C-alpha atoms as a PDB file:
ATOM      1  CA  MET A   1     -16.767  -9.185  -0.756  1.00  0.00           C
ATOM      2  CA  SER A   2     -15.535  -5.868  -2.137  1.00  0.00           C
ATOM      3  CA  ALA A   3     -13.769  -3.405   0.128  1.00  0.00           C
ATOM      4  CA  ALA A   4     -15.344   0.035   0.556  1.00  0.00           C
ATOM      5  CA  GLY A   5     -12.886   2.905   1.008  1.00  0.00           C
ATOM      6  CA  ASP A   6     -12.705   2.898   4.796  1.00  0.00           C
ATOM      7  CA  ARG A   7     -12.580  -0.903   4.963  1.00  0.00           C
ATOM      8  CA  LEU A   8      -9.928  -0.964   2.243  1.00  0.00           C
ATOM      9  CA  GLN A   9      -7.770   1.382   4.322  1.00  0.00           C
ATOM     10  CA  ASP A  10      -8.423  -0.466   7.595  1.00  0.00           C
ATOM     11  CA  THR A  11      -7.529  -3.781   5.930  1.00  0.00           C
ATOM     12  CA  ALA A  12      -4.284  -2.268   4.624  1.00  0.00           C
ATOM     13  CA  ARG A  13      -3.366  -0.859   8.037  1.00  0.00           C
ATOM     14  CA  GLN A  14      -4.063  -4.165   9.800  1.00  0.00           C
ATOM     15  CA  ALA A  15      -2.074  -6.125   7.219  1.00  0.00           C
ATOM     16  CA  ALA A  16       0.879  -3.741   7.550  1.00  0.00           C
ATOM     17  CA  LEU A  17       0.918  -3.738  11.341  1.00  0.00           C
ATOM     18  CA  ALA A  18       0.832  -7.559  11.418  1.00  0.00           C
ATOM     19  CA  LEU A  19       4.215  -7.659   9.642  1.00  0.00           C
ATOM     20  CA  PRO A  20       7.531  -7.608  11.529  1.00  0.00           C
ATOM     21  CA  ASP A  21       9.574  -4.443  12.117  1.00  0.00           C
ATOM     22  CA  VAL A  22       6.911  -2.060  10.786  1.00  0.00           C
ATOM     23  CA  SER A  23       6.708   1.551  11.876  1.00  0.00           C
ATOM     24  CA  HIS A  24       4.242   4.190  10.819  1.00  0.00           C
ATOM     25  CA  GLY A  25       3.674   7.877  11.136  1.00  0.00           C
ATOM     26  CA  TYR A  26       2.998  11.078   9.212  1.00  0.00           C
ATOM     27  CA  PRO A  27       6.429  12.203   7.973  1.00  0.00           C
ATOM     28  CA  PHE A  28       5.207  14.062   4.877  1.00  0.00           C
ATOM     29  CA  THR A  29       1.849  15.595   5.764  1.00  0.00           C
ATOM     30  CA  PRO A  30      -0.961  14.886   8.240  1.00  0.00           C
ATOM     31  CA  GLY A  31      -3.057  13.427   5.378  1.00  0.00           C
ATOM     32  CA  LEU A  32      -0.625  10.611   4.511  1.00  0.00           C
ATOM     33  CA  ASP A  33      -0.271   7.704   6.942  1.00  0.00           C
ATOM     34  CA  VAL A  34       3.086   6.137   5.977  1.00  0.00           C
ATOM     35  CA  TYR A  35       4.191   2.581   6.828  1.00  0.00           C
ATOM     36  CA  LYS A  36       7.851   1.593   6.691  1.00  0.00           C
ATOM     37  CA  VAL A  37      10.026  -1.457   7.142  1.00  0.00           C
ATOM     38  CA  ALA A  38      13.543  -0.665   8.398  1.00  0.00           C
ATOM     39  CA  GLY A  39      12.963   2.977   7.462  1.00  0.00           C
ATOM     40  CA  LYS A  40      11.818   2.258   3.876  1.00  0.00           C
ATOM     41  CA  VAL A  41       8.280   3.116   2.739  1.00  0.00           C
ATOM     42  CA  PHE A  42       6.081   0.244   1.546  1.00  0.00           C
ATOM     43  CA  LEU A  43       2.534   1.580   2.161  1.00  0.00           C
ATOM     44  CA  ILE A  44       0.898   4.995   2.099  1.00  0.00           C
ATOM     45  CA  VAL A  45      -2.684   5.371   3.269  1.00  0.00           C
ATOM     46  CA  THR A  46      -4.348   8.577   2.125  1.00  0.00           C
ATOM     47  CA  ASP A  47      -5.804   9.522   5.480  1.00  0.00           C
ATOM     48  CA  ILE A  48      -7.897  12.476   4.396  1.00  0.00           C
ATOM     49  CA  VAL A  49     -11.245  12.809   6.149  1.00  0.00           C
ATOM     50  CA  THR A  50     -13.660  12.978   3.266  1.00  0.00           C
ATOM     51  CA  ASP A  51     -16.907  11.503   2.044  1.00  0.00           C
ATOM     52  CA  ASP A  52     -15.388  11.134  -1.439  1.00  0.00           C
ATOM     53  CA  PRO A  53     -14.575   7.427  -1.894  1.00  0.00           C
ATOM     54  CA  ASP A  54     -12.071   8.320  -4.651  1.00  0.00           C
ATOM     55  CA  GLU A  55      -9.858   9.854  -1.952  1.00  0.00           C
ATOM     56  CA  GLN A  56      -9.902   6.712   0.208  1.00  0.00           C
ATOM     57  CA  ILE A  57      -6.923   4.997  -1.394  1.00  0.00           C
ATOM     58  CA  ILE A  58      -3.791   3.120  -0.478  1.00  0.00           C
ATOM     59  CA  THR A  59      -0.520   3.175  -2.421  1.00  0.00           C
ATOM     60  CA  VAL A  60       1.943   0.265  -2.461  1.00  0.00           C
ATOM     61  CA  LYS A  61       5.249  -0.566  -4.107  1.00  0.00           C
ATOM     62  CA  CYS A  62       5.028  -3.065  -6.954  1.00  0.00           C
ATOM     63  CA  GLU A  63       7.272  -4.677  -9.578  1.00  0.00           C
ATOM     64  CA  PRO A  64       6.807  -2.720 -12.847  1.00  0.00           C
ATOM     65  CA  GLU A  65       5.376  -5.608 -14.895  1.00  0.00           C
ATOM     66  CA  HIS A  66       3.009  -6.616 -12.091  1.00  0.00           C
ATOM     67  CA  ALA A  67       1.975  -2.963 -11.706  1.00  0.00           C
ATOM     68  CA  ARG A  68       1.049  -2.756 -15.400  1.00  0.00           C
ATOM     69  CA  THR A  69      -0.951  -5.977 -15.120  1.00  0.00           C
ATOM     70  CA  GLN A  70      -2.829  -4.724 -12.060  1.00  0.00           C
ATOM     71  CA  VAL A  71      -3.639  -1.364 -13.677  1.00  0.00           C
ATOM     72  CA  ARG A  72      -4.945  -3.114 -16.816  1.00  0.00           C
ATOM     73  CA  GLY A  73      -6.902  -5.691 -14.822  1.00  0.00           C
ATOM     74  CA  TYR A  74      -8.716  -3.524 -12.278  1.00  0.00           C
ATOM     75  CA  ALA A  75     -10.585  -0.270 -12.875  1.00  0.00           C
ATOM     76  CA  SER A  76      -9.895   0.797  -9.256  1.00  0.00           C
ATOM     77  CA  ILE A  77      -6.110   0.327  -9.485  1.00  0.00           C
ATOM     78  CA  THR A  78      -4.132   3.191 -10.991  1.00  0.00           C
ATOM     79  CA  PRO A  79      -0.458   4.109 -11.270  1.00  0.00           C
ATOM     80  CA  GLY A  80       0.713   5.437  -7.883  1.00  0.00           C
ATOM     81  CA  ARG A  81      -0.364   8.960  -7.074  1.00  0.00           C
ATOM     82  CA  TYR A  82       2.518  11.423  -6.752  1.00  0.00           C
ATOM     83  CA  LEU A  83       5.105   8.613  -6.966  1.00  0.00           C
ATOM     84  CA  ASP A  84       7.111   6.784  -9.629  1.00  0.00           C
ATOM     85  CA  LYS A  85       4.262   5.353 -11.673  1.00  0.00           C
ATOM     86  CA  ARG A  86       6.335   2.346 -12.767  1.00  0.00           C
ATOM     87  CA  HIS A  87       6.967   1.115  -9.219  1.00  0.00           C
ATOM     88  CA  TRP A  88       3.887   2.173  -7.267  1.00  0.00           C
ATOM     89  CA  ILE A  89       0.157   1.518  -7.627  1.00  0.00           C
ATOM     90  CA  SER A  90      -2.839   3.060  -5.877  1.00  0.00           C
ATOM     91  CA  LEU A  91      -5.861   0.960  -4.956  1.00  0.00           C
ATOM     92  CA  GLY A  92      -9.234   2.588  -4.492  1.00  0.00           C
ATOM     93  CA  PRO A  93     -12.607   1.155  -3.585  1.00  0.00           C
ATOM     94  CA  GLY A  94     -14.357  -0.816  -6.290  1.00  0.00           C
ATOM     95  CA  ALA A  95     -16.412  -3.901  -6.956  1.00  0.00           C
ATOM     96  CA  SER A  96     -13.365  -6.042  -7.750  1.00  0.00           C
ATOM     97  CA  ILE A  97     -11.155  -4.789  -4.887  1.00  0.00           C
ATOM     98  CA  THR A  98     -11.423  -7.382  -2.133  1.00  0.00           C
ATOM     99  CA  GLU A  99      -9.947  -7.368   1.338  1.00  0.00           C
ATOM    100  CA  ARG A 100      -7.731 -10.320   0.301  1.00  0.00           C
ATOM    101  CA  LEU A 101      -6.438  -8.363  -2.724  1.00  0.00           C
ATOM    102  CA  VAL A 102      -5.616  -5.402  -0.459  1.00  0.00           C
ATOM    103  CA  ALA A 103      -3.838  -7.553   2.142  1.00  0.00           C
ATOM    104  CA  ASP A 104      -1.871  -9.346  -0.592  1.00  0.00           C
ATOM    105  CA  ALA A 105      -0.830  -6.026  -2.158  1.00  0.00           C
ATOM    106  CA  VAL A 106       0.433  -4.749   1.218  1.00  0.00           C
ATOM    107  CA  GLU A 107       2.333  -7.975   1.957  1.00  0.00           C
ATOM    108  CA  ASP A 108       3.841  -8.050  -1.549  1.00  0.00           C
ATOM    109  CA  SER A 109       4.968  -4.438  -1.171  1.00  0.00           C
ATOM    110  CA  TYR A 110       6.538  -5.184   2.214  1.00  0.00           C
ATOM    111  CA  ASP A 111       8.360  -8.215   0.780  1.00  0.00           C
ATOM    112  CA  LEU A 112       9.593  -6.219  -2.214  1.00  0.00           C
ATOM    113  CA  VAL A 113      11.016  -3.488   0.012  1.00  0.00           C
ATOM    114  CA  ALA A 114      12.405  -5.938   2.592  1.00  0.00           C
ATOM    115  CA  GLU A 115      14.262  -8.038   0.014  1.00  0.00           C
ATOM    116  CA  ARG A 116      16.127  -4.941  -1.165  1.00  0.00           C
ATOM    117  CA  LEU A 117      17.323  -3.943   2.294  1.00  0.00           C
ATOM    118  CA  LEU A 118      20.966  -4.159   3.182  1.00  0.00           C
ATOM    119  CA  ARG A 119      21.763  -7.338   5.085  1.00  0.00           C
ATOM    120  CA  SER A 120      22.477  -5.296   8.230  1.00  0.00           C
ATOM    121  CA  ASP A 121      18.971  -3.752   8.044  1.00  0.00           C
ATOM    122  CA  ARG A 122      17.161  -7.108   7.696  1.00  0.00           C
ATOM    123  CA  ALA A 123      17.301  -8.135  11.368  1.00  0.00           C
ATOM    124  CA  GLY A 124      13.741  -8.815  12.496  1.00  0.00           C
ATOM    125  CA  VAL A 125      12.335  -8.654   8.959  1.00  0.00           C
ATOM    126  CA  ARG A 126      10.645 -11.733   7.513  1.00  0.00           C
END
């Protein structure tokens, strides 16, 4: 089943909050719900109240080669908005964007950020 914009965002939030040592807040602007592991960003949910499904996106960290593959493979996945387009991708609602794809993208982003943490910052991280 494809994930509509609000469900896509809810799935991403639930996946993020199920992971260890995750915090979230609005450090940049009230419209960006930011999720961090040990103080490092791994998920941004564009939390703008709008009826425009194109604005209901999530942005996750991604290995550059995997990011290119995702962008080529899915019409609703684009290089990350306002971020380094080699290392971040944005997922929007679309026929091929499933809840499982969203959850996997969030978990992969978390793992990518967590594996690059200093050893002293990894306590409590999977």
